[in-house]
Structure formats: C-alpha cells, structure tokens
Amino acid sequence: MSVFSSPESTPYFAIMLSSKLMLNDLTYRIMAEKTLELAKEQPGFLGAECGSGEMDLLVTYWSTRKAADAWLNHDMLRRILSIGENFWYEDYSLKLFEVMKDMRFKCSDQTVHASRFPRIETERGVLRILDESQAPLLHDYINQEKTFLAPWEPLRSEGYYSLETCMLRVREMRRDFLEDKGVVLCFLSPNEDRMLAYTNYSNIIRGVFQACNLGYSLRESEQGKGIMHEALKAGLDYLFKELHIDRIQASYMPRNARSAAVLKKLGFDKEGVARDYLKINGQWEDHILTALVLR
C-alpha cells in the first residue's frame, strides 16, 4: 500500500479505525480486507492507508463530509465492528477528521535505492520480498505446483490457494521483515514475471542466539538445475552479512534426498533426528535436524 495524497484540493475527509486486537488470525485479516473492499465501492472514496502492530490502523479518505458520514454509519461497517467486539477487538475507536492541508514528499532521484526491502540479483534471477502487486506470482506458484508440493507440506485448506490469501501472505511477509520476525525471499525470473522458488527464514531470534529457521520449495520444472542452491546461497549471504544472523537451522524428512543434498552442498551439518517433528500432508513425520553455523 502506498502513501495516500489526495488528487483533489483540500479540504477532504478521513475516517480512522484504530484498534487493539485480542486475536489477529486469518479470519480477522480476511475481514479487514473485505472491509477495505467495501469502502472502495462507496461513492466519494478517495483512498486508504493501513498499518499494524500493537495498534492497528485503517484510514479511509473521502471527497465530501456526506460521503465520510455515510461510511461512518454504513450498516455493514457497523455489523463488522459488532462481530469484532465478540471475537477480535480488545478496544477500538472510530474517528472522523477533516483534512485541511496535504503536504507530500516523494523521492524522484531514481539513483537512490529508497526501499527498505532487499532485492538481490543473481546469475539466473531475482531474490526479493514480494510487493503487493506481485501477489499473483505467489498465487500462480502455489496453484501450479499444488500436486507436486503436497507430499512435502502441511495439509492446506482451499482458502490457502486463493488470490486473497496470497495478498494477505505478501502483506505479512513485508510486516514480518520490518518487525525483524522473518524474511521471505521469493526467487523470480530475471524479468520478475514468474516465481521459480520460495525461501522462508522464519522465527528470527536475536540476543544470545542470533538464529532462524529455514524452509524452501522449488517448481517441479526447475528441479535438478541448481536453482535452489543459487537462491539459498544468495539468501544466506544476505542473512549473514546484512542481518547478522549466523546460525540457520533447517530440517528435512529422511526420504527427501534432494533436500538433503541441497543442504549438504550449502554446508549444513546434521545435528540430530527429531521424532514425529512436523505434521506433513496429514502425517507426523520424523525430520533430520541440520544447521549452518557461520560464527
């Protein structure tokens, strides 16, 4: 989501929903997305901004006071808030503002890399955290590789494969990166029109540990080409040099010979075996535990 600045002259109007959540689950995130979609359909809608953290914010902008009031009192918005009182909200406030001045800065110097999100070019592709506009690439990847990846992943509901859920996942990727919780680096084709592989450095722990867990997947058509090694090598270099994470842990099922070979080539050492470690495709599976230690 980009910074909003009205194309119309001031004044215009804003409705801000600020909330503290008891539960931030997938159902809530879908509900929040539906609320924004509903606002976009209303007369006088100009744009929106949102933010999440200890306090969640959703700000919608309106061309007239009448349009803002209509949204403030919209039956469906009120119903959503009522449902939220029973399931998600610890506290919330709904406010109406009149915007009297709108001052904006946007860097026009294309030589300046202003993004906080990594974009790493390799020999055969681009490793990056997806932008919201690239959610369809993730959607294509998980749907086109659904059958191939099923034996190596948890059971998924049909909702997992929707574009809506992919959009939510991209937003979570970006939020987790900014909050130093995880780094999801998707490996794209050189012109960024196709996703080839997925790498996820999750559960980042700082302090005396400085470690994370690694998970990854690769398109069936790209197997055996060294693509997974290329993507992981670039990602591991970034984690170590830029984020100063020097212990990366990964696990694989004993029958997954390809995954074992990829990790061994990258320098991961076997540290043990975990019985019934993860529930994969509906079954509890043993996993080989490995780690790459760069200390």
Protein backbone atom coordinates (compact mmCIF):
# COMPACT_ATOMS: atom_id res chain seq x y z
CA MET A 1 0.00 0.00 0.00
CA SER A 2 1.40 3.39 -0.97
CA VAL A 3 1.25 6.71 0.87
CA PHE A 4 -2.05 8.47 0.17
CA SER A 5 -2.20 12.02 -1.08
CA SER A 6 -5.46 13.37 -2.42
CA PRO A 7 -5.69 14.24 -6.12
CA GLU A 8 -8.36 16.74 -5.12
CA SER A 9 -7.91 20.05 -3.35
CA THR A 10 -8.34 20.25 0.41
CA PRO A 11 -10.33 20.00 2.49
CA TYR A 12 -11.30 16.36 2.25
CA PHE A 13 -12.28 13.92 4.98
CA ALA A 14 -10.93 10.86 6.74
CA ILE A 15 -12.39 8.07 8.83
CA MET A 16 -9.84 6.34 11.09
CA LEU A 17 -10.45 2.99 12.75
CA SER A 18 -7.80 2.42 15.42
CA SER A 19 -7.89 -0.84 17.32
CA LYS A 20 -6.11 -3.12 19.77
CA LEU A 21 -6.64 -6.78 18.96
CA MET A 22 -7.09 -9.81 21.20
CA LEU A 23 -6.69 -12.08 18.17
CA ASN A 24 -5.05 -11.43 14.82
CA ASP A 25 -5.91 -14.60 12.90
CA LEU A 26 -6.53 -15.31 9.23
CA THR A 27 -10.28 -14.73 9.64
CA TYR A 28 -9.64 -11.26 11.03
CA ARG A 29 -7.24 -10.39 8.21
CA ILE A 30 -9.77 -11.53 5.61
CA MET A 31 -12.44 -9.48 7.36
CA ALA A 32 -10.19 -6.40 7.32
CA GLU A 33 -9.54 -6.88 3.60
CA LYS A 34 -13.28 -7.22 2.91
CA THR A 35 -13.93 -4.06 4.89
CA LEU A 36 -11.48 -2.14 2.72
CA GLU A 37 -13.00 -3.58 -0.46
CA LEU A 38 -16.44 -2.47 0.73
CA ALA A 39 -15.16 1.05 1.37
CA LYS A 40 -13.71 1.23 -2.15
CA GLU A 41 -17.17 0.57 -3.60
CA GLN A 42 -18.75 3.56 -1.83
CA PRO A 43 -19.39 6.95 -3.51
CA GLY A 44 -16.77 9.55 -2.70
CA PHE A 45 -14.00 7.10 -1.77
CA LEU A 46 -10.54 8.58 -2.47
CA GLY A 47 -8.06 6.12 -1.00
CA ALA A 48 -6.85 4.37 2.14
CA GLU A 49 -3.85 3.70 4.35
CA CYS A 50 -3.37 0.99 6.94
CA GLY A 51 -0.80 -0.07 9.48
CA SER A 52 -0.43 -2.85 12.01
CA GLY A 53 1.49 -3.52 15.17
CA GLU A 54 0.47 -3.18 18.79
CA MET A 55 -2.17 -0.79 17.41
CA ASP A 56 -3.92 -1.47 14.09
CA LEU A 57 -4.95 1.49 11.94
CA LEU A 58 -7.24 1.70 8.91
CA VAL A 59 -7.74 5.20 7.48
CA THR A 60 -10.13 5.78 4.59
CA TYR A 61 -10.31 9.10 2.74
CA TRP A 62 -13.45 10.72 1.30
CA SER A 63 -14.14 13.59 -1.04
CA THR A 64 -17.03 15.10 0.97
CA ARG A 65 -18.32 15.17 4.52
CA LYS A 66 -21.50 13.48 3.30
CA ALA A 67 -19.54 10.55 1.86
CA ALA A 68 -17.47 10.22 5.04
CA ASP A 69 -20.58 10.26 7.22
CA ALA A 70 -22.19 7.62 5.02
CA TRP A 71 -19.22 5.31 5.54
CA LEU A 72 -19.06 6.07 9.26
CA ASN A 73 -22.69 4.97 9.58
CA HIS A 74 -22.70 2.21 6.96
CA ASP A 75 -24.77 -0.76 8.16
CA MET A 76 -22.16 -3.33 7.10
CA LEU A 77 -19.29 -1.46 8.77
CA ARG A 78 -21.30 -1.31 11.98
CA ARG A 79 -22.08 -5.02 11.71
CA ILE A 80 -18.41 -5.87 11.20
CA LEU A 81 -17.45 -3.85 14.26
CA SER A 82 -20.16 -5.59 16.28
CA ILE A 83 -18.83 -9.00 15.28
CA GLY A 84 -15.30 -7.82 16.09
CA GLU A 85 -16.33 -6.88 19.62
CA ASN A 86 -17.04 -10.57 20.28
CA PHE A 87 -14.01 -12.07 18.54
CA TRP A 88 -11.10 -9.71 17.79
CA TYR A 89 -11.19 -6.32 19.44
CA GLU A 90 -9.91 -5.52 22.88
CA ASP A 91 -10.55 -1.84 22.21
CA TYR A 92 -11.28 0.33 19.16
CA SER A 93 -12.13 3.88 18.17
CA LEU A 94 -13.76 5.24 15.02
CA LYS A 95 -12.98 8.90 14.26
CA LEU A 96 -13.93 11.45 11.62
CA PHE A 97 -11.33 14.03 10.55
CA GLU A 98 -11.32 16.98 8.19
CA VAL A 99 -8.02 17.18 6.31
CA MET A 100 -7.12 20.85 5.92
CA LYS A 101 -3.63 20.54 4.47
CA ASP A 102 -1.90 17.82 2.44
CA MET A 103 1.88 18.08 2.06
CA ARG A 104 3.75 15.29 0.32
CA PHE A 105 7.34 14.35 -0.44
CA LYS A 106 8.31 11.60 -2.88
CA CYS A 107 11.90 10.94 -3.88
CA SER A 108 12.32 11.47 -7.62
CA ASP A 109 16.01 10.51 -7.81
CA GLN A 110 15.98 7.03 -9.35
CA THR A 111 19.64 6.56 -8.45
CA VAL A 112 18.68 6.40 -4.78
CA HIS A 113 17.59 2.97 -3.56
CA ALA A 114 14.95 4.08 -1.08
CA SER A 115 13.29 0.72 -0.45
CA ARG A 116 13.85 -0.94 2.91
CA PHE A 117 13.19 -4.33 1.34
CA PRO A 118 16.00 -6.40 -0.18
CA ARG A 119 16.20 -7.12 -3.90
CA ILE A 120 19.11 -9.39 -4.80
CA GLU A 121 20.06 -10.14 -8.40
CA THR A 122 21.73 -13.50 -9.07
CA GLU A 123 23.00 -15.15 -12.24
CA ARG A 124 19.59 -16.54 -13.20
CA GLY A 125 17.02 -14.50 -11.34
CA VAL A 126 15.98 -12.02 -8.69
CA LEU A 127 15.57 -12.80 -4.99
CA ARG A 128 13.20 -10.42 -3.24
CA ILE A 129 10.38 -9.85 -0.79
CA LEU A 130 7.29 -9.60 -2.93
CA ASP A 131 5.43 -6.34 -3.41
CA GLU A 132 1.64 -6.43 -3.09
CA SER A 133 1.34 -6.06 -6.85
CA GLN A 134 3.27 -9.34 -7.19
CA ALA A 135 0.82 -11.43 -5.16
CA PRO A 136 -0.43 -13.07 -8.41
CA LEU A 137 3.06 -14.58 -8.84
CA LEU A 138 2.71 -16.34 -5.49
CA HIS A 139 -0.85 -17.35 -6.40
CA ASP A 140 0.33 -18.93 -9.66
CA TYR A 141 3.21 -20.70 -7.93
CA ILE A 142 1.20 -22.43 -5.18
CA ASN A 143 -1.62 -23.43 -7.53
CA GLN A 144 0.55 -24.66 -10.40
CA GLU A 145 2.77 -26.65 -8.00
CA LYS A 146 -0.04 -27.79 -5.68
CA THR A 147 0.18 -31.50 -6.51
CA PHE A 148 3.97 -31.59 -6.67
CA LEU A 149 4.49 -29.86 -3.29
CA ALA A 150 1.68 -31.64 -1.39
CA PRO A 151 3.83 -34.58 -0.10
CA TRP A 152 6.29 -32.12 1.49
CA GLU A 153 3.92 -29.58 3.05
CA PRO A 154 1.16 -29.42 5.70
CA LEU A 155 -2.40 -30.07 4.58
CA ARG A 156 -3.87 -26.87 3.13
CA SER A 157 -7.47 -25.68 3.03
CA GLU A 158 -8.86 -24.48 -0.29
CA GLY A 159 -8.79 -20.93 1.03
CA TYR A 160 -4.99 -21.12 1.16
CA TYR A 161 -4.88 -21.20 -2.65
CA SER A 162 -6.96 -18.05 -3.20
CA LEU A 163 -5.51 -14.80 -4.51
CA GLU A 164 -6.98 -13.07 -1.47
CA THR A 165 -4.95 -15.26 0.89
CA CYS A 166 -1.82 -14.72 -1.22
CA MET A 167 -2.29 -10.97 -0.88
CA LEU A 168 -2.56 -11.36 2.90
CA ARG A 169 0.57 -13.51 2.92
CA VAL A 170 2.53 -10.87 0.99
CA ARG A 171 1.47 -8.22 3.49
CA GLU A 172 2.57 -10.48 6.33
CA MET A 173 5.92 -11.09 4.62
CA ARG A 174 6.54 -7.37 4.46
CA ARG A 175 5.34 -6.73 8.01
CA ASP A 176 7.44 -9.60 9.43
CA PHE A 177 10.52 -8.22 7.69
CA LEU A 178 10.00 -4.73 9.11
CA GLU A 179 9.41 -6.20 12.58
CA ASP A 180 12.53 -8.43 12.32
CA LYS A 181 10.49 -11.62 12.68
CA GLY A 182 11.28 -13.29 9.37
CA VAL A 183 12.45 -12.88 5.79
CA VAL A 184 10.58 -14.49 2.89
CA LEU A 185 12.70 -14.23 -0.24
CA CYS A 186 10.96 -15.37 -3.42
CA PHE A 187 13.17 -16.30 -6.36
CA LEU A 188 11.78 -14.77 -9.56
CA SER A 189 12.74 -14.98 -13.21
CA PRO A 190 15.06 -12.15 -14.38
CA ASN A 191 12.16 -10.02 -15.66
CA GLU A 192 10.14 -10.84 -12.49
CA ASP A 193 7.15 -12.29 -14.33
CA ARG A 194 7.36 -15.82 -12.85
CA MET A 195 8.15 -17.25 -9.43
CA LEU A 196 10.63 -20.13 -9.50
CA ALA A 197 11.29 -20.84 -5.82
CA TYR A 198 10.26 -19.85 -2.31
CA THR A 199 12.63 -19.43 0.65
CA ASN A 200 11.48 -18.57 4.16
CA TYR A 201 13.81 -17.58 7.01
CA SER A 202 11.39 -17.64 9.95
CA ASN A 203 11.37 -17.34 13.74
CA ILE A 204 14.30 -14.93 13.92
CA ILE A 205 15.68 -14.81 17.45
CA ARG A 206 18.21 -12.17 18.45
CA GLY A 207 20.18 -11.71 21.65
CA VAL A 208 22.44 -14.62 22.56
CA PHE A 209 21.03 -16.83 19.76
CA GLN A 210 21.11 -14.80 16.50
CA ALA A 211 19.39 -17.61 14.63
CA CYS A 212 16.44 -18.51 12.43
CA ASN A 213 14.76 -21.49 10.74
CA LEU A 214 14.86 -22.11 7.00
CA GLY A 215 12.19 -23.59 4.77
CA TYR A 216 12.06 -23.68 0.97
CA SER A 217 10.39 -25.08 -2.12
CA LEU A 218 11.06 -25.16 -5.87
CA ARG A 219 8.99 -25.61 -9.00
CA GLU A 220 8.95 -29.15 -10.38
CA SER A 221 10.16 -27.88 -13.78
CA GLU A 222 13.24 -26.27 -12.16
CA GLN A 223 14.44 -29.36 -10.29
CA GLY A 224 18.00 -30.50 -10.97
CA LYS A 225 19.23 -27.17 -12.38
CA GLY A 226 20.94 -25.76 -9.30
CA ILE A 227 18.25 -23.08 -8.92
CA MET A 228 17.55 -23.93 -5.27
CA HIS A 229 21.24 -23.77 -4.41
CA GLU A 230 21.58 -20.41 -6.19
CA ALA A 231 18.59 -18.90 -4.39
CA LEU A 232 19.60 -20.20 -0.97
CA LYS A 233 23.26 -19.22 -1.36
CA ALA A 234 22.29 -15.61 -2.13
CA GLY A 235 19.74 -15.54 0.68
CA LEU A 236 22.14 -16.98 3.25
CA ASP A 237 24.79 -14.44 2.28
CA TYR A 238 22.25 -11.65 2.81
CA LEU A 239 21.12 -13.04 6.19
CA PHE A 240 24.70 -13.24 7.43
CA LYS A 241 26.17 -10.03 6.01
CA GLU A 242 23.18 -7.68 6.32
CA LEU A 243 21.04 -9.07 9.16
CA HIS A 244 23.92 -10.61 11.15
CA ILE A 245 22.20 -13.95 11.61
CA ASP A 246 24.91 -16.59 11.96
CA ARG A 247 23.00 -19.77 12.77
CA ILE A 248 20.44 -21.02 10.25
CA GLN A 249 18.55 -24.20 11.14
CA ALA A 250 16.83 -26.45 8.59
CA SER A 251 15.15 -29.86 8.73
CA TYR A 252 14.10 -32.42 6.14
CA MET A 253 12.33 -35.78 6.07
CA PRO A 254 14.75 -38.71 5.77
CA ARG A 255 13.28 -39.73 2.40
CA ASN A 256 13.80 -36.26 0.89
CA ALA A 257 17.16 -36.94 -0.74
CA ARG A 258 17.13 -33.79 -2.87
CA SER A 259 16.64 -31.53 0.13
CA ALA A 260 19.41 -33.36 1.97
CA ALA A 261 21.78 -32.84 -0.96
CA VAL A 262 20.96 -29.12 -1.24
CA LEU A 263 21.65 -28.50 2.45
CA LYS A 264 24.85 -30.55 2.45
CA LYS A 265 26.21 -28.61 -0.53
CA LEU A 266 25.50 -25.34 1.30
CA GLY A 267 27.47 -26.51 4.34
CA PHE A 268 24.66 -27.52 6.71
CA ASP A 269 25.74 -30.13 9.28
CA LYS A 270 23.49 -32.83 10.67
CA GLU A 271 22.75 -32.27 14.36
CA GLY A 272 20.20 -34.96 15.16
CA VAL A 273 16.88 -36.63 14.44
CA ALA A 274 13.53 -35.38 15.74
CA ARG A 275 10.79 -37.98 16.07
CA ASP A 276 7.30 -37.02 14.83
CA TYR A 277 8.63 -33.49 14.39
CA LEU A 278 6.19 -31.93 11.90
CA LYS A 279 2.76 -32.90 10.57
CA ILE A 280 3.28 -33.12 6.82
CA ASN A 281 0.45 -33.97 4.43
CA GLY A 282 -1.63 -35.16 7.38
CA GLN A 283 1.04 -37.42 8.95
CA TRP A 284 3.54 -36.80 11.74
CA GLU A 285 6.98 -37.19 10.18
CA ASP A 286 10.48 -37.67 11.58
CA HIS A 287 12.95 -34.99 10.47
CA ILE A 288 16.71 -34.73 10.20
CA LEU A 289 17.86 -31.58 12.01
CA THR A 290 20.69 -29.59 10.44
CA ALA A 291 22.30 -26.20 10.91
CA LEU A 292 24.67 -23.84 9.13
CA VAL A 293 26.85 -22.12 11.73
CA LEU A 294 28.78 -19.08 10.50
CA ARG A 295 30.29 -17.96 13.81
